[in-house]
Amino acid sequence: MVNKNKDESVRNANVHDLREHFEFVHVIAVAIGNNCPTIEWRSWENVPGNVKKVVMDELLCKYTLDDDTNEQLMKLLYDALEGGYNRWHYEVLRNGPRPSK
Protein backbone atom coordinates (compact mmCIF):
# COMPACT_ATOMS: atom_id res chain seq x y z
CA MET A 1 0.00 0.00 0.00
CA VAL A 2 1.35 3.39 -0.95
CA ASN A 3 0.36 6.75 0.48
CA LYS A 4 -0.16 8.95 -2.57
CA ASN A 5 0.58 12.06 -0.52
CA LYS A 6 3.97 10.86 0.69
CA ASP A 7 5.08 8.58 -2.18
CA GLU A 8 6.49 6.05 0.24
CA SER A 9 5.53 2.45 0.74
CA VAL A 10 3.73 1.66 3.98
CA ARG A 11 5.51 -1.68 3.96
CA ASN A 12 8.87 0.13 4.13
CA ALA A 13 7.74 2.48 6.91
CA ASN A 14 9.24 2.25 10.37
CA VAL A 15 6.95 -0.08 12.31
CA HIS A 16 7.80 1.75 15.53
CA ASP A 17 6.63 5.10 14.15
CA LEU A 18 2.91 5.34 14.89
CA ARG A 19 2.37 8.50 12.84
CA GLU A 20 1.60 6.54 9.68
CA HIS A 21 -0.86 4.40 11.59
CA PHE A 22 -2.66 7.41 13.05
CA GLU A 23 -2.70 9.15 9.67
CA PHE A 24 -4.29 6.05 8.11
CA VAL A 25 -6.86 5.77 10.92
CA HIS A 26 -7.67 9.47 10.49
CA VAL A 27 -8.19 9.05 6.73
CA ILE A 28 -10.59 6.17 7.47
CA ALA A 29 -12.49 8.26 10.03
CA VAL A 30 -12.84 11.17 7.60
CA ALA A 31 -14.02 8.89 4.78
CA ILE A 32 -16.62 7.27 7.02
CA GLY A 33 -17.75 10.60 8.45
CA ASN A 34 -18.13 12.04 4.95
CA ASN A 35 -20.10 9.11 3.56
CA CYS A 36 -22.14 7.67 6.42
CA PRO A 37 -24.70 10.39 7.14
CA THR A 38 -26.70 8.25 9.52
CA ILE A 39 -26.03 5.93 12.42
CA GLU A 40 -28.96 3.67 11.57
CA TRP A 41 -26.53 0.88 10.67
CA ARG A 42 -25.49 -0.84 13.88
CA SER A 43 -22.23 -2.19 12.48
CA TRP A 44 -20.07 -2.14 9.35
CA GLU A 45 -21.71 -5.39 8.25
CA ASN A 46 -25.06 -3.56 8.00
CA VAL A 47 -23.71 -0.71 5.87
CA PRO A 48 -24.98 -1.11 2.29
CA GLY A 49 -22.44 -2.22 -0.30
CA ASN A 50 -22.72 0.99 -2.33
CA VAL A 51 -21.82 3.08 0.75
CA LYS A 52 -18.88 0.78 1.54
CA LYS A 53 -17.65 1.24 -2.04
CA VAL A 54 -17.80 5.04 -1.75
CA VAL A 55 -15.85 4.92 1.54
CA MET A 56 -13.28 2.59 -0.04
CA ASP A 57 -12.99 4.84 -3.12
CA GLU A 58 -12.34 7.89 -0.93
CA LEU A 59 -9.71 5.93 0.97
CA LEU A 60 -8.08 4.84 -2.28
CA CYS A 61 -7.88 8.50 -3.40
CA LYS A 62 -5.15 8.86 -0.77
CA TYR A 63 -3.64 5.36 -0.84
CA THR A 64 -3.08 2.87 -3.62
CA LEU A 65 -2.70 -0.85 -3.24
CA ASP A 66 0.19 -2.66 -4.88
CA ASP A 67 -0.50 -4.59 -8.04
CA ASP A 68 -0.06 -7.85 -6.12
CA THR A 69 -3.09 -7.18 -3.89
CA ASN A 70 -3.96 -10.37 -2.10
CA GLU A 71 -6.84 -11.68 -0.06
CA GLN A 72 -5.05 -11.14 3.27
CA LEU A 73 -4.41 -7.46 2.51
CA MET A 74 -8.04 -6.93 1.54
CA LYS A 75 -9.13 -8.61 4.80
CA LEU A 76 -6.86 -6.25 6.78
CA LEU A 77 -8.27 -3.26 4.93
CA TYR A 78 -11.83 -4.45 5.54
CA ASP A 79 -11.04 -4.95 9.25
CA ALA A 80 -9.59 -1.42 9.44
CA LEU A 81 -12.74 0.01 7.87
CA GLU A 82 -14.93 -2.03 10.20
CA GLY A 83 -13.01 -0.76 13.25
CA GLY A 84 -13.16 2.80 11.95
CA TYR A 85 -16.91 2.58 11.43
CA ASN A 86 -17.46 1.12 14.89
CA ARG A 87 -15.39 3.91 16.52
CA TRP A 88 -17.26 6.56 14.51
CA HIS A 89 -20.65 5.02 15.38
CA TYR A 90 -19.78 4.96 19.08
CA GLU A 91 -18.59 8.59 19.04
CA VAL A 92 -21.75 9.79 17.29
CA LEU A 93 -23.96 7.91 19.76
CA ARG A 94 -21.94 9.27 22.68
CA ASN A 95 -21.44 12.89 21.59
CA GLY A 96 -24.08 13.46 18.92
CA PRO A 97 -23.43 14.25 15.29
CA ARG A 98 -20.90 16.94 14.46
CA PRO A 99 -22.11 19.88 12.39
CA SER A 100 -21.58 19.39 8.67
CA LYS A 101 -19.07 21.60 6.89
PDB file of N, CA and C in Angstrom:
ATOM      1  N   MET A   1       0.843  -1.165   0.000  1.00  0.00           N
ATOM      2  CA  MET A   1       0.000   0.000   0.000  1.00  0.00           C
ATOM      3  C   MET A   1       0.890   1.229   0.000  1.00  0.00           C
ATOM      4  N   VAL A   2       0.548   2.189  -0.822  1.00  0.00           N
ATOM      5  CA  VAL A   2       1.354   3.394  -0.949  1.00  0.00           C
ATOM      6  C   VAL A   2       0.495   4.603  -0.627  1.00  0.00           C
ATOM      7  N   ASN A   3       1.021   5.495   0.178  1.00  0.00           N
ATOM      8  CA  ASN A   3       0.361   6.751   0.480  1.00  0.00           C
ATOM      9  C   ASN A   3       0.652   7.686  -0.674  1.00  0.00           C
ATOM     10  N   LYS A   4      -0.365   8.100  -1.416  1.00  0.00           N
ATOM     11  CA  LYS A   4      -0.161   8.954  -2.574  1.00  0.00           C
ATOM     12  C   LYS A   4       0.398  10.312  -2.180  1.00  0.00           C
ATOM     13  N   ASN A   5       0.113  10.750  -0.965  1.00  0.00           N
ATOM     14  CA  ASN A   5       0.583  12.063  -0.522  1.00  0.00           C
ATOM     15  C   ASN A   5       2.052  12.058  -0.145  1.00  0.00           C
ATOM     16  N   LYS A   6       2.589  10.922   0.211  1.00  0.00           N
ATOM     17  CA  LYS A   6       3.972  10.859   0.689  1.00  0.00           C
ATOM     18  C   LYS A   6       4.884  10.092  -0.268  1.00  0.00           C
ATOM     19  N   ASP A   7       4.306   9.371  -1.238  1.00  0.00           N
ATOM     20  CA  ASP A   7       5.080   8.577  -2.182  1.00  0.00           C
ATOM     21  C   ASP A   7       6.053   7.633  -1.494  1.00  0.00           C
ATOM     22  N   GLU A   8       5.626   7.021  -0.430  1.00  0.00           N
ATOM     23  CA  GLU A   8       6.491   6.049   0.240  1.00  0.00           C
ATOM     24  C   GLU A   8       5.658   4.827   0.576  1.00  0.00           C
ATOM     25  N   SER A   9       6.252   3.682   0.487  1.00  0.00           N
ATOM     26  CA  SER A   9       5.532   2.447   0.738  1.00  0.00           C
ATOM     27  C   SER A   9       5.293   2.275   2.227  1.00  0.00           C
ATOM     28  N   VAL A  10       4.049   1.912   2.580  1.00  0.00           N
ATOM     29  CA  VAL A  10       3.730   1.661   3.981  1.00  0.00           C
ATOM     30  C   VAL A  10       4.531   0.466   4.474  1.00  0.00           C
ATOM     31  N   ARG A  11       4.752  -0.498   3.598  1.00  0.00           N
ATOM     32  CA  ARG A  11       5.510  -1.683   3.957  1.00  0.00           C
ATOM     33  C   ARG A  11       6.936  -1.327   4.392  1.00  0.00           C
ATOM     34  N   ASN A  12       7.507  -0.271   3.810  1.00  0.00           N
ATOM     35  CA  ASN A  12       8.868   0.135   4.130  1.00  0.00           C
ATOM     36  C   ASN A  12       8.930   1.128   5.284  1.00  0.00           C
ATOM     37  N   ALA A  13       7.776   1.500   5.822  1.00  0.00           N
ATOM     38  CA  ALA A  13       7.741   2.477   6.910  1.00  0.00           C
ATOM     39  C   ALA A  13       8.269   1.849   8.189  1.00  0.00           C
ATOM     40  N   ASN A  14       8.758   2.690   9.072  1.00  0.00           N
ATOM     41  CA  ASN A  14       9.245   2.251  10.366  1.00  0.00           C
ATOM     42  C   ASN A  14       8.063   1.752  11.192  1.00  0.00           C
ATOM     43  N   VAL A  15       8.080   0.492  11.578  1.00  0.00           N
ATOM     44  CA  VAL A  15       6.951  -0.085  12.310  1.00  0.00           C
ATOM     45  C   VAL A  15       6.818   0.500  13.700  1.00  0.00           C
ATOM     46  N   HIS A  16       7.850   1.154  14.196  1.00  0.00           N
ATOM     47  CA  HIS A  16       7.799   1.749  15.526  1.00  0.00           C
ATOM     48  C   HIS A  16       7.307   3.195  15.489  1.00  0.00           C
ATOM     49  N   ASP A  17       7.114   3.735  14.303  1.00  0.00           N
ATOM     50  CA  ASP A  17       6.628   5.099  14.147  1.00  0.00           C
ATOM     51  C   ASP A  17       5.119   5.037  13.948  1.00  0.00           C
ATOM     52  N   LEU A  18       4.366   5.458  14.931  1.00  0.00           N
ATOM     53  CA  LEU A  18       2.912   5.338  14.890  1.00  0.00           C
ATOM     54  C   LEU A  18       2.233   6.444  14.081  1.00  0.00           C
ATOM     55  N   ARG A  19       2.995   7.419  13.596  1.00  0.00           N
ATOM     56  CA  ARG A  19       2.372   8.504  12.835  1.00  0.00           C
ATOM     57  C   ARG A  19       1.641   7.994  11.610  1.00  0.00           C
ATOM     58  N   GLU A  20       2.258   7.072  10.867  1.00  0.00           N
ATOM     59  CA  GLU A  20       1.602   6.538   9.675  1.00  0.00           C
ATOM     60  C   GLU A  20       0.311   5.830  10.037  1.00  0.00           C
ATOM     61  N   HIS A  21       0.345   5.092  11.145  1.00  0.00           N
ATOM     62  CA  HIS A  21      -0.861   4.395  11.593  1.00  0.00           C
ATOM     63  C   HIS A  21      -1.970   5.395  11.910  1.00  0.00           C
ATOM     64  N   PHE A  22      -1.648   6.436  12.671  1.00  0.00           N
ATOM     65  CA  PHE A  22      -2.662   7.411  13.051  1.00  0.00           C
ATOM     66  C   PHE A  22      -3.158   8.198  11.844  1.00  0.00           C
ATOM     67  N   GLU A  23      -2.275   8.478  10.891  1.00  0.00           N
ATOM     68  CA  GLU A  23      -2.703   9.147   9.669  1.00  0.00           C
ATOM     69  C   GLU A  23      -3.695   8.274   8.909  1.00  0.00           C
ATOM     70  N   PHE A  24      -3.411   6.974   8.816  1.00  0.00           N
ATOM     71  CA  PHE A  24      -4.289   6.046   8.112  1.00  0.00           C
ATOM     72  C   PHE A  24      -5.634   5.941   8.828  1.00  0.00           C
ATOM     73  N   VAL A  25      -5.617   5.836  10.147  1.00  0.00           N
ATOM     74  CA  VAL A  25      -6.857   5.769  10.925  1.00  0.00           C
ATOM     75  C   VAL A  25      -7.662   7.046  10.734  1.00  0.00           C
ATOM     76  N   HIS A  26      -6.982   8.197  10.695  1.00  0.00           N
ATOM     77  CA  HIS A  26      -7.670   9.468  10.490  1.00  0.00           C
ATOM     78  C   HIS A  26      -8.327   9.521   9.112  1.00  0.00           C
ATOM     79  N   VAL A  27      -7.632   9.056   8.084  1.00  0.00           N
ATOM     80  CA  VAL A  27      -8.195   9.046   6.731  1.00  0.00           C
ATOM     81  C   VAL A  27      -9.447   8.175   6.701  1.00  0.00           C
ATOM     82  N   ILE A  28      -9.413   7.035   7.394  1.00  0.00           N
ATOM     83  CA  ILE A  28     -10.588   6.167   7.467  1.00  0.00           C
ATOM     84  C   ILE A  28     -11.736   6.899   8.163  1.00  0.00           C
ATOM     85  N   ALA A  29     -11.446   7.545   9.287  1.00  0.00           N
ATOM     86  CA  ALA A  29     -12.488   8.255  10.032  1.00  0.00           C
ATOM     87  C   ALA A  29     -13.120   9.361   9.192  1.00  0.00           C
ATOM     88  N   VAL A  30     -12.317  10.095   8.454  1.00  0.00           N
ATOM     89  CA  VAL A  30     -12.838  11.165   7.603  1.00  0.00           C
ATOM     90  C   VAL A  30     -13.708  10.582   6.494  1.00  0.00           C
ATOM     91  N   ALA A  31     -13.249   9.510   5.859  1.00  0.00           N
ATOM     92  CA  ALA A  31     -14.016   8.885   4.779  1.00  0.00           C
ATOM     93  C   ALA A  31     -15.358   8.375   5.288  1.00  0.00           C
ATOM     94  N   ILE A  32     -15.365   7.778   6.455  1.00  0.00           N
ATOM     95  CA  ILE A  32     -16.618   7.266   7.020  1.00  0.00           C
ATOM     96  C   ILE A  32     -17.521   8.434   7.413  1.00  0.00           C
ATOM     97  N   GLY A  33     -16.962   9.436   8.069  1.00  0.00           N
ATOM     98  CA  GLY A  33     -17.755  10.600   8.455  1.00  0.00           C
ATOM     99  C   GLY A  33     -18.360  11.327   7.266  1.00  0.00           C
ATOM    100  N   ASN A  34     -17.640  11.368   6.149  1.00  0.00           N
ATOM    101  CA  ASN A  34     -18.135  12.038   4.948  1.00  0.00           C
ATOM    102  C   ASN A  34     -19.234  11.260   4.240  1.00  0.00           C
ATOM    103  N   ASN A  35     -19.233   9.944   4.384  1.00  0.00           N
ATOM    104  CA  ASN A  35     -20.104   9.107   3.560  1.00  0.00           C
ATOM    105  C   ASN A  35     -21.152   8.304   4.318  1.00  0.00           C
ATOM    106  N   CYS A  36     -21.136   8.368   5.622  1.00  0.00           N
ATOM    107  CA  CYS A  36     -22.139   7.671   6.424  1.00  0.00           C
ATOM    108  C   CYS A  36     -22.946   8.726   7.179  1.00  0.00           C
ATOM    109  N   PRO A  37     -23.979   9.263   6.542  1.00  0.00           N
ATOM    110  CA  PRO A  37     -24.704  10.386   7.136  1.00  0.00           C
ATOM    111  C   PRO A  37     -25.633   9.980   8.276  1.00  0.00           C
ATOM    112  N   THR A  38     -25.765   8.717   8.512  1.00  0.00           N
ATOM    113  CA  THR A  38     -26.700   8.248   9.523  1.00  0.00           C
ATOM    114  C   THR A  38     -26.065   7.161  10.370  1.00  0.00           C
ATOM    115  N   ILE A  39     -26.544   6.997  11.578  1.00  0.00           N
ATOM    116  CA  ILE A  39     -26.032   5.925  12.422  1.00  0.00           C
ATOM    117  C   ILE A  39     -27.032   4.778  12.503  1.00  0.00           C
ATOM    118  N   GLU A  40     -27.949   4.723  11.539  1.00  0.00           N
ATOM    119  CA  GLU A  40     -28.958   3.672  11.566  1.00  0.00           C
ATOM    120  C   GLU A  40     -28.357   2.271  11.414  1.00  0.00           C
ATOM    121  N   TRP A  41     -27.179   2.187  10.828  1.00  0.00           N
ATOM    122  CA  TRP A  41     -26.535   0.880  10.675  1.00  0.00           C
ATOM    123  C   TRP A  41     -25.769   0.575  11.950  1.00  0.00           C
ATOM    124  N   ARG A  42     -26.084  -0.523  12.583  1.00  0.00           N
ATOM    125  CA  ARG A  42     -25.494  -0.841  13.880  1.00  0.00           C
ATOM    126  C   ARG A  42     -24.041  -1.281  13.789  1.00  0.00           C
ATOM    127  N   SER A  43     -23.623  -1.781  12.646  1.00  0.00           N
ATOM    128  CA  SER A  43     -22.232  -2.193  12.477  1.00  0.00           C
ATOM    129  C   SER A  43     -21.859  -2.070  11.006  1.00  0.00           C
ATOM    130  N   TRP A  44     -20.577  -2.224  10.727  1.00  0.00           N
ATOM    131  CA  TRP A  44     -20.068  -2.139   9.351  1.00  0.00           C
ATOM    132  C   TRP A  44     -20.720  -3.190   8.465  1.00  0.00           C
ATOM    133  N   GLU A  45     -21.056  -4.336   9.025  1.00  0.00           N
ATOM    134  CA  GLU A  45     -21.713  -5.391   8.247  1.00  0.00           C
ATOM    135  C   GLU A  45     -23.068  -4.950   7.720  1.00  0.00           C
ATOM    136  N   ASN A  46     -23.741  -4.027   8.408  1.00  0.00           N
ATOM    137  CA  ASN A  46     -25.059  -3.562   8.003  1.00  0.00           C
ATOM    138  C   ASN A  46     -25.016  -2.395   7.019  1.00  0.00           C
ATOM    139  N   VAL A  47     -23.841  -1.828   6.810  1.00  0.00           N
ATOM    140  CA  VAL A  47     -23.707  -0.714   5.867  1.00  0.00           C
ATOM    141  C   VAL A  47     -23.893  -1.264   4.452  1.00  0.00           C
ATOM    142  N   PRO A  48     -24.755  -0.624   3.654  1.00  0.00           N
ATOM    143  CA  PRO A  48     -24.982  -1.107   2.286  1.00  0.00           C
ATOM    144  C   PRO A  48     -23.694  -1.125   1.458  1.00  0.00           C
ATOM    145  N   GLY A  49     -23.620  -2.049   0.538  1.00  0.00           N
ATOM    146  CA  GLY A  49     -22.437  -2.218  -0.301  1.00  0.00           C
ATOM    147  C   GLY A  49     -22.052  -0.976  -1.079  1.00  0.00           C
ATOM    148  N   ASN A  50     -23.046  -0.219  -1.562  1.00  0.00           N
ATOM    149  CA  ASN A  50     -22.722   0.988  -2.335  1.00  0.00           C
ATOM    150  C   ASN A  50     -22.070   2.053  -1.451  1.00  0.00           C
ATOM    151  N   VAL A  51     -22.449   2.132  -0.170  1.00  0.00           N
ATOM    152  CA  VAL A  51     -21.822   3.081   0.751  1.00  0.00           C
ATOM    153  C   VAL A  51     -20.399   2.623   1.076  1.00  0.00           C
ATOM    154  N   LYS A  52     -20.220   1.315   1.284  1.00  0.00           N
ATOM    155  CA  LYS A  52     -18.875   0.778   1.538  1.00  0.00           C
ATOM    156  C   LYS A  52     -17.948   1.098   0.367  1.00  0.00           C
ATOM    157  N   LYS A  53     -18.474   0.973  -0.860  1.00  0.00           N
ATOM    158  CA  LYS A  53     -17.654   1.240  -2.040  1.00  0.00           C
ATOM    159  C   LYS A  53     -17.233   2.708  -2.090  1.00  0.00           C
ATOM    160  N   VAL A  54     -18.136   3.613  -1.744  1.00  0.00           N
ATOM    161  CA  VAL A  54     -17.804   5.041  -1.748  1.00  0.00           C
ATOM    162  C   VAL A  54     -16.732   5.335  -0.702  1.00  0.00           C
ATOM    163  N   VAL A  55     -16.863   4.733   0.483  1.00  0.00           N
ATOM    164  CA  VAL A  55     -15.855   4.920   1.536  1.00  0.00           C
ATOM    165  C   VAL A  55     -14.503   4.380   1.054  1.00  0.00           C
ATOM    166  N   MET A  56     -14.516   3.198   0.460  1.00  0.00           N
ATOM    167  CA  MET A  56     -13.280   2.592  -0.045  1.00  0.00           C
ATOM    168  C   MET A  56     -12.670   3.454  -1.144  1.00  0.00           C
ATOM    169  N   ASP A  57     -13.498   3.990  -2.046  1.00  0.00           N
ATOM    170  CA  ASP A  57     -12.988   4.844  -3.124  1.00  0.00           C
ATOM    171  C   ASP A  57     -12.328   6.102  -2.564  1.00  0.00           C
ATOM    172  N   GLU A  58     -12.945   6.698  -1.532  1.00  0.00           N
ATOM    173  CA  GLU A  58     -12.339   7.888  -0.925  1.00  0.00           C
ATOM    174  C   GLU A  58     -11.008   7.543  -0.273  1.00  0.00           C
ATOM    175  N   LEU A  59     -10.957   6.383   0.357  1.00  0.00           N
ATOM    176  CA  LEU A  59      -9.714   5.927   0.974  1.00  0.00           C
ATOM    177  C   LEU A  59      -8.643   5.704  -0.092  1.00  0.00           C
ATOM    178  N   LEU A  60      -9.042   5.132  -1.214  1.00  0.00           N
ATOM    179  CA  LEU A  60      -8.083   4.841  -2.281  1.00  0.00           C
ATOM    180  C   LEU A  60      -7.675   6.092  -3.058  1.00  0.00           C
ATOM    181  N   CYS A  61      -8.336   7.230  -2.815  1.00  0.00           N
ATOM    182  CA  CYS A  61      -7.879   8.497  -3.395  1.00  0.00           C
ATOM    183  C   CYS A  61      -6.573   8.932  -2.730  1.00  0.00           C
ATOM    184  N   LYS A  62      -6.354   8.494  -1.508  1.00  0.00           N
ATOM    185  CA  LYS A  62      -5.154   8.862  -0.769  1.00  0.00           C
ATOM    186  C   LYS A  62      -4.110   7.749  -0.752  1.00  0.00           C
ATOM    187  N   TYR A  63      -4.539   6.512  -0.871  1.00  0.00           N
ATOM    188  CA  TYR A  63      -3.639   5.355  -0.841  1.00  0.00           C
ATOM    189  C   TYR A  63      -3.932   4.458  -2.036  1.00  0.00           C
ATOM    190  N   THR A  64      -2.890   3.858  -2.575  1.00  0.00           N
ATOM    191  CA  THR A  64      -3.077   2.866  -3.624  1.00  0.00           C
ATOM    192  C   THR A  64      -2.542   1.538  -3.131  1.00  0.00           C
ATOM    193  N   LEU A  65      -3.163   0.483  -3.579  1.00  0.00           N
ATOM    194  CA  LEU A  65      -2.703  -0.855  -3.241  1.00  0.00           C
ATOM    195  C   LEU A  65      -1.736  -1.324  -4.314  1.00  0.00           C
ATOM    196  N   ASP A  66      -0.764  -2.103  -3.917  1.00  0.00           N
ATOM    197  CA  ASP A  66       0.190  -2.659  -4.877  1.00  0.00           C
ATOM    198  C   ASP A  66      -0.546  -3.531  -5.880  1.00  0.00           C
ATOM    199  N   ASP A  67       0.101  -3.753  -7.006  1.00  0.00           N
ATOM    200  CA  ASP A  67      -0.504  -4.594  -8.043  1.00  0.00           C
ATOM    201  C   ASP A  67      -0.739  -6.017  -7.556  1.00  0.00           C
ATOM    202  N   ASP A  68       0.064  -6.478  -6.602  1.00  0.00           N
ATOM    203  CA  ASP A  68      -0.065  -7.850  -6.119  1.00  0.00           C
ATOM    204  C   ASP A  68      -1.004  -7.937  -4.910  1.00  0.00           C
ATOM    205  N   THR A  69      -2.115  -7.172  -4.973  1.00  0.00           N
ATOM    206  CA  THR A  69      -3.092  -7.180  -3.890  1.00  0.00           C
ATOM    207  C   THR A  69      -3.564  -8.608  -3.655  1.00  0.00           C
ATOM    208  N   ASN A  70      -3.538  -9.014  -2.402  1.00  0.00           N
ATOM    209  CA  ASN A  70      -3.957 -10.370  -2.101  1.00  0.00           C
ATOM    210  C   ASN A  70      -5.135 -10.369  -1.134  1.00  0.00           C
ATOM    211  N   GLU A  71      -5.667 -11.521  -0.903  1.00  0.00           N
ATOM    212  CA  GLU A  71      -6.837 -11.681  -0.056  1.00  0.00           C
ATOM    213  C   GLU A  71      -6.572 -11.230   1.379  1.00  0.00           C
ATOM    214  N   GLN A  72      -5.385 -11.510   1.889  1.00  0.00           N
ATOM    215  CA  GLN A  72      -5.055 -11.139   3.268  1.00  0.00           C
ATOM    216  C   GLN A  72      -5.016  -9.614   3.422  1.00  0.00           C
ATOM    217  N   LEU A  73      -4.451  -8.906   2.456  1.00  0.00           N
ATOM    218  CA  LEU A  73      -4.409  -7.455   2.508  1.00  0.00           C
ATOM    219  C   LEU A  73      -5.817  -6.868   2.469  1.00  0.00           C
ATOM    220  N   MET A  74      -6.669  -7.420   1.618  1.00  0.00           N
ATOM    221  CA  MET A  74      -8.043  -6.933   1.539  1.00  0.00           C
ATOM    222  C   MET A  74      -8.785  -7.193   2.856  1.00  0.00           C
ATOM    223  N   LYS A  75      -8.508  -8.309   3.506  1.00  0.00           N
ATOM    224  CA  LYS A  75      -9.126  -8.605   4.804  1.00  0.00           C
ATOM    225  C   LYS A  75      -8.663  -7.582   5.840  1.00  0.00           C
ATOM    226  N   LEU A  76      -7.369  -7.260   5.848  1.00  0.00           N
ATOM    227  CA  LEU A  76      -6.861  -6.252   6.780  1.00  0.00           C
ATOM    228  C   LEU A  76      -7.499  -4.885   6.528  1.00  0.00           C
ATOM    229  N   LEU A  77      -7.648  -4.524   5.269  1.00  0.00           N
ATOM    230  CA  LEU A  77      -8.269  -3.260   4.928  1.00  0.00           C
ATOM    231  C   LEU A  77      -9.730  -3.246   5.362  1.00  0.00           C
ATOM    232  N   TYR A  78     -10.436  -4.334   5.121  1.00  0.00           N
ATOM    233  CA  TYR A  78     -11.833  -4.448   5.540  1.00  0.00           C
ATOM    234  C   TYR A  78     -11.938  -4.344   7.062  1.00  0.00           C
ATOM    235  N   ASP A  79     -11.042  -5.011   7.778  1.00  0.00           N
ATOM    236  CA  ASP A  79     -11.043  -4.950   9.246  1.00  0.00           C
ATOM    237  C   ASP A  79     -10.777  -3.525   9.736  1.00  0.00           C
ATOM    238  N   ALA A  80      -9.872  -2.810   9.061  1.00  0.00           N
ATOM    239  CA  ALA A  80      -9.589  -1.424   9.440  1.00  0.00           C
ATOM    240  C   ALA A  80     -10.821  -0.547   9.231  1.00  0.00           C
ATOM    241  N   LEU A  81     -11.528  -0.755   8.128  1.00  0.00           N
ATOM    242  CA  LEU A  81     -12.745   0.013   7.867  1.00  0.00           C
ATOM    243  C   LEU A  81     -13.833  -0.339   8.874  1.00  0.00           C
ATOM    244  N   GLU A  82     -13.939  -1.606   9.212  1.00  0.00           N
ATOM    245  CA  GLU A  82     -14.929  -2.029  10.201  1.00  0.00           C
ATOM    246  C   GLU A  82     -14.646  -1.377  11.561  1.00  0.00           C
ATOM    247  N   GLY A  83     -13.386  -1.394  11.984  1.00  0.00           N
ATOM    248  CA  GLY A  83     -13.009  -0.762  13.246  1.00  0.00           C
ATOM    249  C   GLY A  83     -13.249   0.735  13.218  1.00  0.00           C
ATOM    250  N   GLY A  84     -12.936   1.362  12.100  1.00  0.00           N
ATOM    251  CA  GLY A  84     -13.165   2.799  11.954  1.00  0.00           C
ATOM    252  C   GLY A  84     -14.643   3.141  12.025  1.00  0.00           C
ATOM    253  N   TYR A  85     -15.466   2.330  11.384  1.00  0.00           N
ATOM    254  CA  TYR A  85     -16.907   2.575  11.434  1.00  0.00           C
ATOM    255  C   TYR A  85     -17.428   2.408  12.855  1.00  0.00           C
ATOM    256  N   ASN A  86     -16.979   1.368  13.525  1.00  0.00           N
ATOM    257  CA  ASN A  86     -17.458   1.125  14.887  1.00  0.00           C
ATOM    258  C   ASN A  86     -17.055   2.251  15.839  1.00  0.00           C
ATOM    259  N   ARG A  87     -15.823   2.777  15.698  1.00  0.00           N
ATOM    260  CA  ARG A  87     -15.394   3.914  16.521  1.00  0.00           C
ATOM    261  C   ARG A  87     -16.229   5.151  16.206  1.00  0.00           C
ATOM    262  N   TRP A  88     -16.461   5.413  14.920  1.00  0.00           N
ATOM    263  CA  TRP A  88     -17.261   6.558  14.509  1.00  0.00           C
ATOM    264  C   TRP A  88     -18.687   6.436  15.055  1.00  0.00           C
ATOM    265  N   HIS A  89     -19.282   5.264  14.913  1.00  0.00           N
ATOM    266  CA  HIS A  89     -20.649   5.017  15.379  1.00  0.00           C
ATOM    267  C   HIS A  89     -20.745   5.269  16.881  1.00  0.00           C
ATOM    268  N   TYR A  90     -19.789   4.769  17.633  1.00  0.00           N
ATOM    269  CA  TYR A  90     -19.780   4.957  19.076  1.00  0.00           C
ATOM    270  C   TYR A  90     -19.670   6.442  19.438  1.00  0.00           C
ATOM    271  N   GLU A  91     -18.774   7.163  18.758  1.00  0.00           N
ATOM    272  CA  GLU A  91     -18.588   8.591  19.039  1.00  0.00           C
ATOM    273  C   GLU A  91     -19.849   9.393  18.733  1.00  0.00           C
ATOM    274  N   VAL A  92     -20.528   9.071  17.635  1.00  0.00           N
ATOM    275  CA  VAL A  92     -21.752   9.795  17.289  1.00  0.00           C
ATOM    276  C   VAL A  92     -22.841   9.499  18.317  1.00  0.00           C
ATOM    277  N   LEU A  93     -22.966   8.248  18.736  1.00  0.00           N
ATOM    278  CA  LEU A  93     -23.956   7.911  19.761  1.00  0.00           C
ATOM    279  C   LEU A  93     -23.638   8.614  21.079  1.00  0.00           C
ATOM    280  N   ARG A  94     -22.379   8.691  21.406  1.00  0.00           N
ATOM    281  CA  ARG A  94     -21.940   9.273  22.683  1.00  0.00           C
ATOM    282  C   ARG A  94     -22.030  10.790  22.691  1.00  0.00           C
ATOM    283  N   ASN A  95     -21.561  11.426  21.613  1.00  0.00           N
ATOM    284  CA  ASN A  95     -21.435  12.892  21.588  1.00  0.00           C
ATOM    285  C   ASN A  95     -22.425  13.590  20.671  1.00  0.00           C
ATOM    286  N   GLY A  96     -23.182  12.845  19.898  1.00  0.00           N
ATOM    287  CA  GLY A  96     -24.079  13.457  18.923  1.00  0.00           C
ATOM    288  C   GLY A  96     -23.339  13.755  17.630  1.00  0.00           C
ATOM    289  N   PRO A  97     -24.080  13.976  16.576  1.00  0.00           N
ATOM    290  CA  PRO A  97     -23.429  14.253  15.291  1.00  0.00           C
ATOM    291  C   PRO A  97     -22.734  15.602  15.305  1.00  0.00           C
ATOM    292  N   ARG A  98     -21.637  15.670  14.594  1.00  0.00           N
ATOM    293  CA  ARG A  98     -20.903  16.938  14.459  1.00  0.00           C
ATOM    294  C   ARG A  98     -21.569  17.743  13.352  1.00  0.00           C
ATOM    295  N   PRO A  99     -21.506  19.060  13.452  1.00  0.00           N
ATOM    296  CA  PRO A  99     -22.107  19.882  12.389  1.00  0.00           C
ATOM    297  C   PRO A  99     -21.399  19.634  11.061  1.00  0.00           C
ATOM    298  N   SER A 100     -22.181  19.604   9.997  1.00  0.00           N
ATOM    299  CA  SER A 100     -21.582  19.394   8.670  1.00  0.00           C
ATOM    300  C   SER A 100     -20.872  20.656   8.230  1.00  0.00           C
ATOM    301  N   LYS A 101     -19.880  20.476   7.353  1.00  0.00           N
ATOM    302  CA  LYS A 101     -19.066  21.605   6.890  1.00  0.00           C
ATOM    303  C   LYS A 101     -19.743  22.345   5.772  1.00  0.00           C
TER     304      LYS A 101
END
